[in-house]
PDB file of N, CA and C in Angstrom:
ATOM      1  N   MET A   1       0.817  -1.410   0.177  1.00  0.00           N
ATOM      2  CA  MET A   1      -0.095   0.091   0.179  1.00  0.00           C
ATOM      3  C   MET A   1       0.883   0.967   0.015  1.00  0.00           C
ATOM      4  N   HIS A   2       0.516   2.333  -1.053  1.00  0.00           N
ATOM      5  CA  HIS A   2       1.278   3.085  -0.883  1.00  0.00           C
ATOM      6  C   HIS A   2       0.480   4.518   0.233  1.00  0.00           C
ATOM      7  N   ASP A   3       1.679   5.205   0.674  1.00  0.00           N
ATOM      8  CA  ASP A   3       0.420   6.265   1.923  1.00  0.00           C
ATOM      9  C   ASP A   3       1.150   7.421   1.528  1.00  0.00           C
ATOM     10  N   ASP A   4       1.758   7.859   0.379  1.00  0.00           N
ATOM     11  CA  ASP A   4       2.186   8.784  -0.076  1.00  0.00           C
ATOM     12  C   ASP A   4       1.056  10.067  -0.501  1.00  0.00           C
ATOM     13  N   HIS A   5      -0.223   9.313  -0.623  1.00  0.00           N
ATOM     14  CA  HIS A   5      -1.055  10.471  -1.054  1.00  0.00           C
ATOM     15  C   HIS A   5      -2.412  10.113  -0.158  1.00  0.00           C
ATOM     16  N   ASP A   6      -3.183  11.221  -0.446  1.00  0.00           N
ATOM     17  CA  ASP A   6      -4.064  11.415   0.631  1.00  0.00           C
ATOM     18  C   ASP A   6      -5.767  10.946   0.036  1.00  0.00           C
ATOM     19  N   HIS A   7      -6.120  10.676  -1.063  1.00  0.00           N
ATOM     20  CA  HIS A   7      -7.082  10.486  -1.665  1.00  0.00           C
ATOM     21  C   HIS A   7      -7.564   9.264  -1.460  1.00  0.00           C
ATOM     22  N   PRO A   8      -9.336   8.975  -0.738  1.00  0.00           N
ATOM     23  CA  PRO A   8      -9.274   8.170   0.160  1.00  0.00           C
ATOM     24  C   PRO A   8     -10.185   6.797  -0.680  1.00  0.00           C
ATOM     25  N   HIS A   9      -9.356   5.588  -1.287  1.00  0.00           N
ATOM     26  CA  HIS A   9      -9.793   4.716  -1.962  1.00  0.00           C
ATOM     27  C   HIS A   9      -8.920   3.635  -1.885  1.00  0.00           C
ATOM     28  N   ASP A  10      -9.481   2.461  -1.919  1.00  0.00           N
ATOM     29  CA  ASP A  10      -8.953   1.180  -1.610  1.00  0.00           C
ATOM     30  C   ASP A  10      -8.080   0.683  -2.867  1.00  0.00           C
ATOM     31  N   HIS A  11      -6.813   0.326  -2.569  1.00  0.00           N
ATOM     32  CA  HIS A  11      -5.673  -0.324  -3.612  1.00  0.00           C
ATOM     33  C   HIS A  11      -6.343  -1.986  -3.135  1.00  0.00           C
ATOM     34  N   HIS A  12      -6.615  -2.675  -4.540  1.00  0.00           N
ATOM     35  CA  HIS A  12      -7.245  -3.588  -4.422  1.00  0.00           C
ATOM     36  C   HIS A  12      -5.417  -4.641  -5.403  1.00  0.00           C
ATOM     37  N   SER A  13      -5.077  -5.559  -4.289  1.00  0.00           N
ATOM     38  CA  SER A  13      -4.210  -6.051  -4.755  1.00  0.00           C
ATOM     39  C   SER A  13      -4.242  -7.486  -5.552  1.00  0.00           C
ATOM     40  N   HIS A  14      -5.758  -7.393  -5.971  1.00  0.00           N
ATOM     41  CA  HIS A  14      -6.085  -8.529  -7.023  1.00  0.00           C
ATOM     42  C   HIS A  14      -6.514  -8.225  -8.151  1.00  0.00           C
ATOM     43  N   ALA A  15      -6.263  -8.572  -9.339  1.00  0.00           N
ATOM     44  CA  ALA A  15      -6.549  -8.163 -10.846  1.00  0.00           C
ATOM     45  C   ALA A  15      -8.235  -8.622 -10.831  1.00  0.00           C
ATOM     46  N   HIS A  16      -8.809  -7.991 -11.414  1.00  0.00           N
ATOM     47  CA  HIS A  16     -10.163  -8.326 -11.870  1.00  0.00           C
ATOM     48  C   HIS A  16      -9.773  -9.208 -13.266  1.00  0.00           C
ATOM     49  N   PRO A  17     -10.771 -10.703 -13.364  1.00  0.00           N
ATOM     50  CA  PRO A  17     -10.710 -11.401 -14.496  1.00  0.00           C
ATOM     51  C   PRO A  17     -11.509 -10.405 -16.042  1.00  0.00           C
ATOM     52  N   ALA A  18     -11.118 -10.806 -16.743  1.00  0.00           N
ATOM     53  CA  ALA A  18     -11.531 -10.342 -18.023  1.00  0.00           C
ATOM     54  C   ALA A  18     -12.905 -10.522 -18.637  1.00  0.00           C
ATOM     55  N   ALA A  19     -12.837 -12.035 -17.947  1.00  0.00           N
ATOM     56  CA  ALA A  19     -14.431 -12.526 -17.973  1.00  0.00           C
ATOM     57  C   ALA A  19     -15.442 -12.481 -17.095  1.00  0.00           C
ATOM     58  N   ALA A  20     -15.089 -11.327 -16.201  1.00  0.00           N
ATOM     59  CA  ALA A  20     -16.053 -11.066 -14.892  1.00  0.00           C
ATOM     60  C   ALA A  20     -17.579 -10.688 -15.319  1.00  0.00           C
ATOM     61  N   VAL A  21     -17.633  -9.808 -16.754  1.00  0.00           N
ATOM     62  CA  VAL A  21     -18.722  -9.620 -17.477  1.00  0.00           C
ATOM     63  C   VAL A  21     -19.510 -10.642 -18.064  1.00  0.00           C
ATOM     64  N   VAL A  22     -20.359 -11.503 -18.437  1.00  0.00           N
ATOM     65  CA  VAL A  22     -20.634 -12.543 -19.019  1.00  0.00           C
ATOM     66  C   VAL A  22     -21.905 -11.982 -19.758  1.00  0.00           C
ATOM     67  N   ARG A  23     -21.547 -11.870 -21.226  1.00  0.00           N
ATOM     68  CA  ARG A  23     -23.084 -11.861 -22.351  1.00  0.00           C
ATOM     69  C   ARG A  23     -23.340 -12.620 -22.541  1.00  0.00           C
ATOM     70  N   ARG A  24     -24.776 -12.405 -22.750  1.00  0.00           N
ATOM     71  CA  ARG A  24     -25.488 -13.714 -23.510  1.00  0.00           C
ATOM     72  C   ARG A  24     -25.748 -13.450 -24.696  1.00  0.00           C
ATOM     73  N   ALA A  25     -25.482 -14.327 -25.740  1.00  0.00           N
ATOM     74  CA  ALA A  25     -25.655 -14.000 -26.762  1.00  0.00           C
ATOM     75  C   ALA A  25     -27.764 -13.718 -27.170  1.00  0.00           C
ATOM     76  N   ASP A  26     -28.361 -14.676 -26.749  1.00  0.00           N
ATOM     77  CA  ASP A  26     -29.631 -14.789 -26.768  1.00  0.00           C
ATOM     78  C   ASP A  26     -30.307 -14.424 -25.762  1.00  0.00           C
ATOM     79  N   PRO A  27     -30.580 -12.674 -26.102  1.00  0.00           N
ATOM     80  CA  PRO A  27     -31.516 -11.865 -24.242  1.00  0.00           C
ATOM     81  C   PRO A  27     -32.692 -12.576 -24.111  1.00  0.00           C
ATOM     82  N   GLY A  28     -33.034 -13.357 -25.199  1.00  0.00           N
ATOM     83  CA  GLY A  28     -34.438 -13.518 -24.645  1.00  0.00           C
ATOM     84  C   GLY A  28     -35.611 -13.497 -24.803  1.00  0.00           C
ATOM     85  N   PHE A  29     -36.554 -13.711 -24.064  1.00  0.00           N
ATOM     86  CA  PHE A  29     -38.038 -13.035 -24.665  1.00  0.00           C
ATOM     87  C   PHE A  29     -38.159 -11.750 -23.701  1.00  0.00           C
ATOM     88  N   SER A  30     -38.563 -10.575 -24.229  1.00  0.00           N
ATOM     89  CA  SER A  30     -38.982  -9.537 -23.717  1.00  0.00           C
ATOM     90  C   SER A  30     -40.621  -9.025 -23.930  1.00  0.00           C
ATOM     91  N   LEU A  31     -41.375  -8.905 -22.905  1.00  0.00           N
ATOM     92  CA  LEU A  31     -42.482  -7.503 -23.565  1.00  0.00           C
ATOM     93  C   LEU A  31     -42.473  -5.877 -24.290  1.00  0.00           C
ATOM     94  N   LEU A  32     -40.909  -5.770 -23.485  1.00  0.00           N
ATOM     95  CA  LEU A  32     -40.882  -4.339 -24.152  1.00  0.00           C
ATOM     96  C   LEU A  32     -39.965  -4.323 -25.613  1.00  0.00           C
ATOM     97  N   ARG A  33     -39.666  -5.534 -25.981  1.00  0.00           N
ATOM     98  CA  ARG A  33     -39.231  -5.451 -26.814  1.00  0.00           C
ATOM     99  C   ARG A  33     -40.432  -5.832 -28.042  1.00  0.00           C
ATOM    100  N   LEU A  34     -42.026  -6.152 -27.666  1.00  0.00           N
ATOM    101  CA  LEU A  34     -42.486  -6.228 -28.523  1.00  0.00           C
ATOM    102  C   LEU A  34     -43.253  -4.660 -29.200  1.00  0.00           C
ATOM    103  N   SER A  35     -43.782  -4.695 -30.392  1.00  0.00           N
ATOM    104  CA  SER A  35     -44.515  -3.643 -30.843  1.00  0.00           C
ATOM    105  C   SER A  35     -45.995  -4.011 -30.260  1.00  0.00           C
ATOM    106  N   ALA A  36     -46.770  -2.510 -30.434  1.00  0.00           N
ATOM    107  CA  ALA A  36     -47.766  -2.344 -29.762  1.00  0.00           C
ATOM    108  C   ALA A  36     -48.817  -3.222 -30.302  1.00  0.00           C
ATOM    109  N   LEU A  37     -48.549  -3.291 -31.996  1.00  0.00           N
ATOM    110  CA  LEU A  37     -49.934  -4.602 -32.328  1.00  0.00           C
ATOM    111  C   LEU A  37     -49.434  -5.846 -31.407  1.00  0.00           C
ATOM    112  N   GLN A  38     -48.298  -6.050 -31.645  1.00  0.00           N
ATOM    113  CA  GLN A  38     -47.671  -7.443 -30.999  1.00  0.00           C
ATOM    114  C   GLN A  38     -48.475  -7.700 -29.108  1.00  0.00           C
ATOM    115  N   ARG A  39     -48.235  -6.308 -28.669  1.00  0.00           N
ATOM    116  CA  ARG A  39     -48.873  -6.527 -27.260  1.00  0.00           C
ATOM    117  C   ARG A  39     -50.404  -6.607 -27.270  1.00  0.00           C
ATOM    118  N   LEU A  40     -51.113  -5.525 -27.947  1.00  0.00           N
ATOM    119  CA  LEU A  40     -52.527  -5.364 -28.221  1.00  0.00           C
ATOM    120  C   LEU A  40     -53.332  -7.346 -28.440  1.00  0.00           C
ATOM    121  N   ALA A  41     -52.313  -7.570 -29.622  1.00  0.00           N
ATOM    122  CA  ALA A  41     -52.657  -9.295 -30.095  1.00  0.00           C
ATOM    123  C   ALA A  41     -52.441 -10.248 -28.847  1.00  0.00           C
ATOM    124  N   GLY A  42     -51.500  -9.840 -28.012  1.00  0.00           N
ATOM    125  CA  GLY A  42     -51.424 -10.853 -26.751  1.00  0.00           C
ATOM    126  C   GLY A  42     -52.431 -10.785 -25.932  1.00  0.00           C
ATOM    127  N   ALA A  43     -52.911  -9.467 -25.312  1.00  0.00           N
ATOM    128  CA  ALA A  43     -53.936  -9.257 -24.664  1.00  0.00           C
ATOM    129  C   ALA A  43     -55.123  -9.793 -24.621  1.00  0.00           C
ATOM    130  N   GLY A  44     -55.263  -9.520 -26.231  1.00  0.00           N
ATOM    131  CA  GLY A  44     -56.514  -9.737 -26.803  1.00  0.00           C
ATOM    132  C   GLY A  44     -56.648 -11.964 -26.421  1.00  0.00           C
ATOM    133  N   VAL A  45     -55.635 -12.244 -26.831  1.00  0.00           N
ATOM    134  CA  VAL A  45     -55.660 -13.511 -26.574  1.00  0.00           C
ATOM    135  C   VAL A  45     -55.809 -14.044 -24.915  1.00  0.00           C
ATOM    136  N   ILE A  46     -55.123 -13.245 -24.126  1.00  0.00           N
ATOM    137  CA  ILE A  46     -55.113 -13.295 -23.049  1.00  0.00           C
ATOM    138  C   ILE A  46     -56.746 -13.485 -22.502  1.00  0.00           C
ATOM    139  N   ILE A  47     -57.215 -12.245 -22.935  1.00  0.00           N
ATOM    140  CA  ILE A  47     -58.620 -11.985 -22.708  1.00  0.00           C
ATOM    141  C   ILE A  47     -59.997 -13.113 -23.225  1.00  0.00           C
ATOM    142  N   ALA A  48     -59.728 -13.167 -24.543  1.00  0.00           N
ATOM    143  CA  ALA A  48     -60.281 -14.644 -25.174  1.00  0.00           C
ATOM    144  C   ALA A  48     -59.988 -15.716 -24.303  1.00  0.00           C
ATOM    145  N   VAL A  49     -59.141 -16.194 -23.792  1.00  0.00           N
ATOM    146  CA  VAL A  49     -58.398 -17.386 -23.172  1.00  0.00           C
ATOM    147  C   VAL A  49     -59.559 -17.173 -21.555  1.00  0.00           C
ATOM    148  N   LEU A  50     -59.440 -15.902 -21.054  1.00  0.00           N
ATOM    149  CA  LEU A  50     -59.851 -16.032 -19.910  1.00  0.00           C
ATOM    150  C   LEU A  50     -61.789 -15.878 -20.006  1.00  0.00           C
ATOM    151  N   TRP A  51     -61.989 -15.363 -20.996  1.00  0.00           N
ATOM    152  CA  TRP A  51     -63.667 -15.487 -21.394  1.00  0.00           C
ATOM    153  C   TRP A  51     -63.905 -16.970 -21.516  1.00  0.00           C
ATOM    154  N   LEU A  52     -62.980 -17.647 -22.418  1.00  0.00           N
ATOM    155  CA  LEU A  52     -63.599 -19.095 -22.382  1.00  0.00           C
ATOM    156  C   LEU A  52     -63.746 -19.736 -21.155  1.00  0.00           C
ATOM    157  N   ALA A  53     -62.532 -19.666 -20.044  1.00  0.00           N
ATOM    158  CA  ALA A  53     -62.829 -20.200 -18.863  1.00  0.00           C
ATOM    159  C   ALA A  53     -63.934 -19.919 -18.105  1.00  0.00           C
ATOM    160  N   VAL A  54     -64.449 -18.863 -18.333  1.00  0.00           N
ATOM    161  CA  VAL A  54     -65.384 -18.197 -17.999  1.00  0.00           C
ATOM    162  C   VAL A  54     -66.507 -19.091 -18.107  1.00  0.00           C
ATOM    163  N   LEU A  55     -66.638 -19.009 -19.414  1.00  0.00           N
ATOM    164  CA  LEU A  55     -68.012 -19.727 -19.935  1.00  0.00           C
ATOM    165  C   LEU A  55     -67.809 -21.336 -19.399  1.00  0.00           C
ATOM    166  N   TRP A  56     -66.862 -22.022 -19.892  1.00  0.00           N
ATOM    167  CA  TRP A  56     -66.953 -23.271 -19.302  1.00  0.00           C
ATOM    168  C   TRP A  56     -66.999 -23.802 -17.901  1.00  0.00           C
ATOM    169  N   ALA A  57     -66.754 -22.496 -16.880  1.00  0.00           N
ATOM    170  CA  ALA A  57     -67.048 -22.790 -15.445  1.00  0.00           C
ATOM    171  C   ALA A  57     -68.842 -22.981 -15.331  1.00  0.00           C
ATOM    172  N   LEU A  58     -69.051 -21.777 -16.211  1.00  0.00           N
ATOM    173  CA  LEU A  58     -70.662 -21.641 -15.915  1.00  0.00           C
ATOM    174  C   LEU A  58     -71.524 -22.592 -16.568  1.00  0.00           C
ATOM    175  N   SER A  59     -70.537 -23.284 -17.651  1.00  0.00           N
ATOM    176  CA  SER A  59     -71.691 -24.105 -18.025  1.00  0.00           C
ATOM    177  C   SER A  59     -71.704 -25.166 -17.814  1.00  0.00           C
TER     178      SER A  59
END
């Protein structure tokens, strides 16, 4: 450790590995990446399935 300067920070004695940050090639599914039309279509499918479940439960 060097004590000849007075700014407060830690001096790490270990090296950080180059592969510390792992990047995935495939980011996976995300609702935020869908277009507005795709989101509306997905909401319509969910609503239709819910209505079918309600109608099935009442029959």
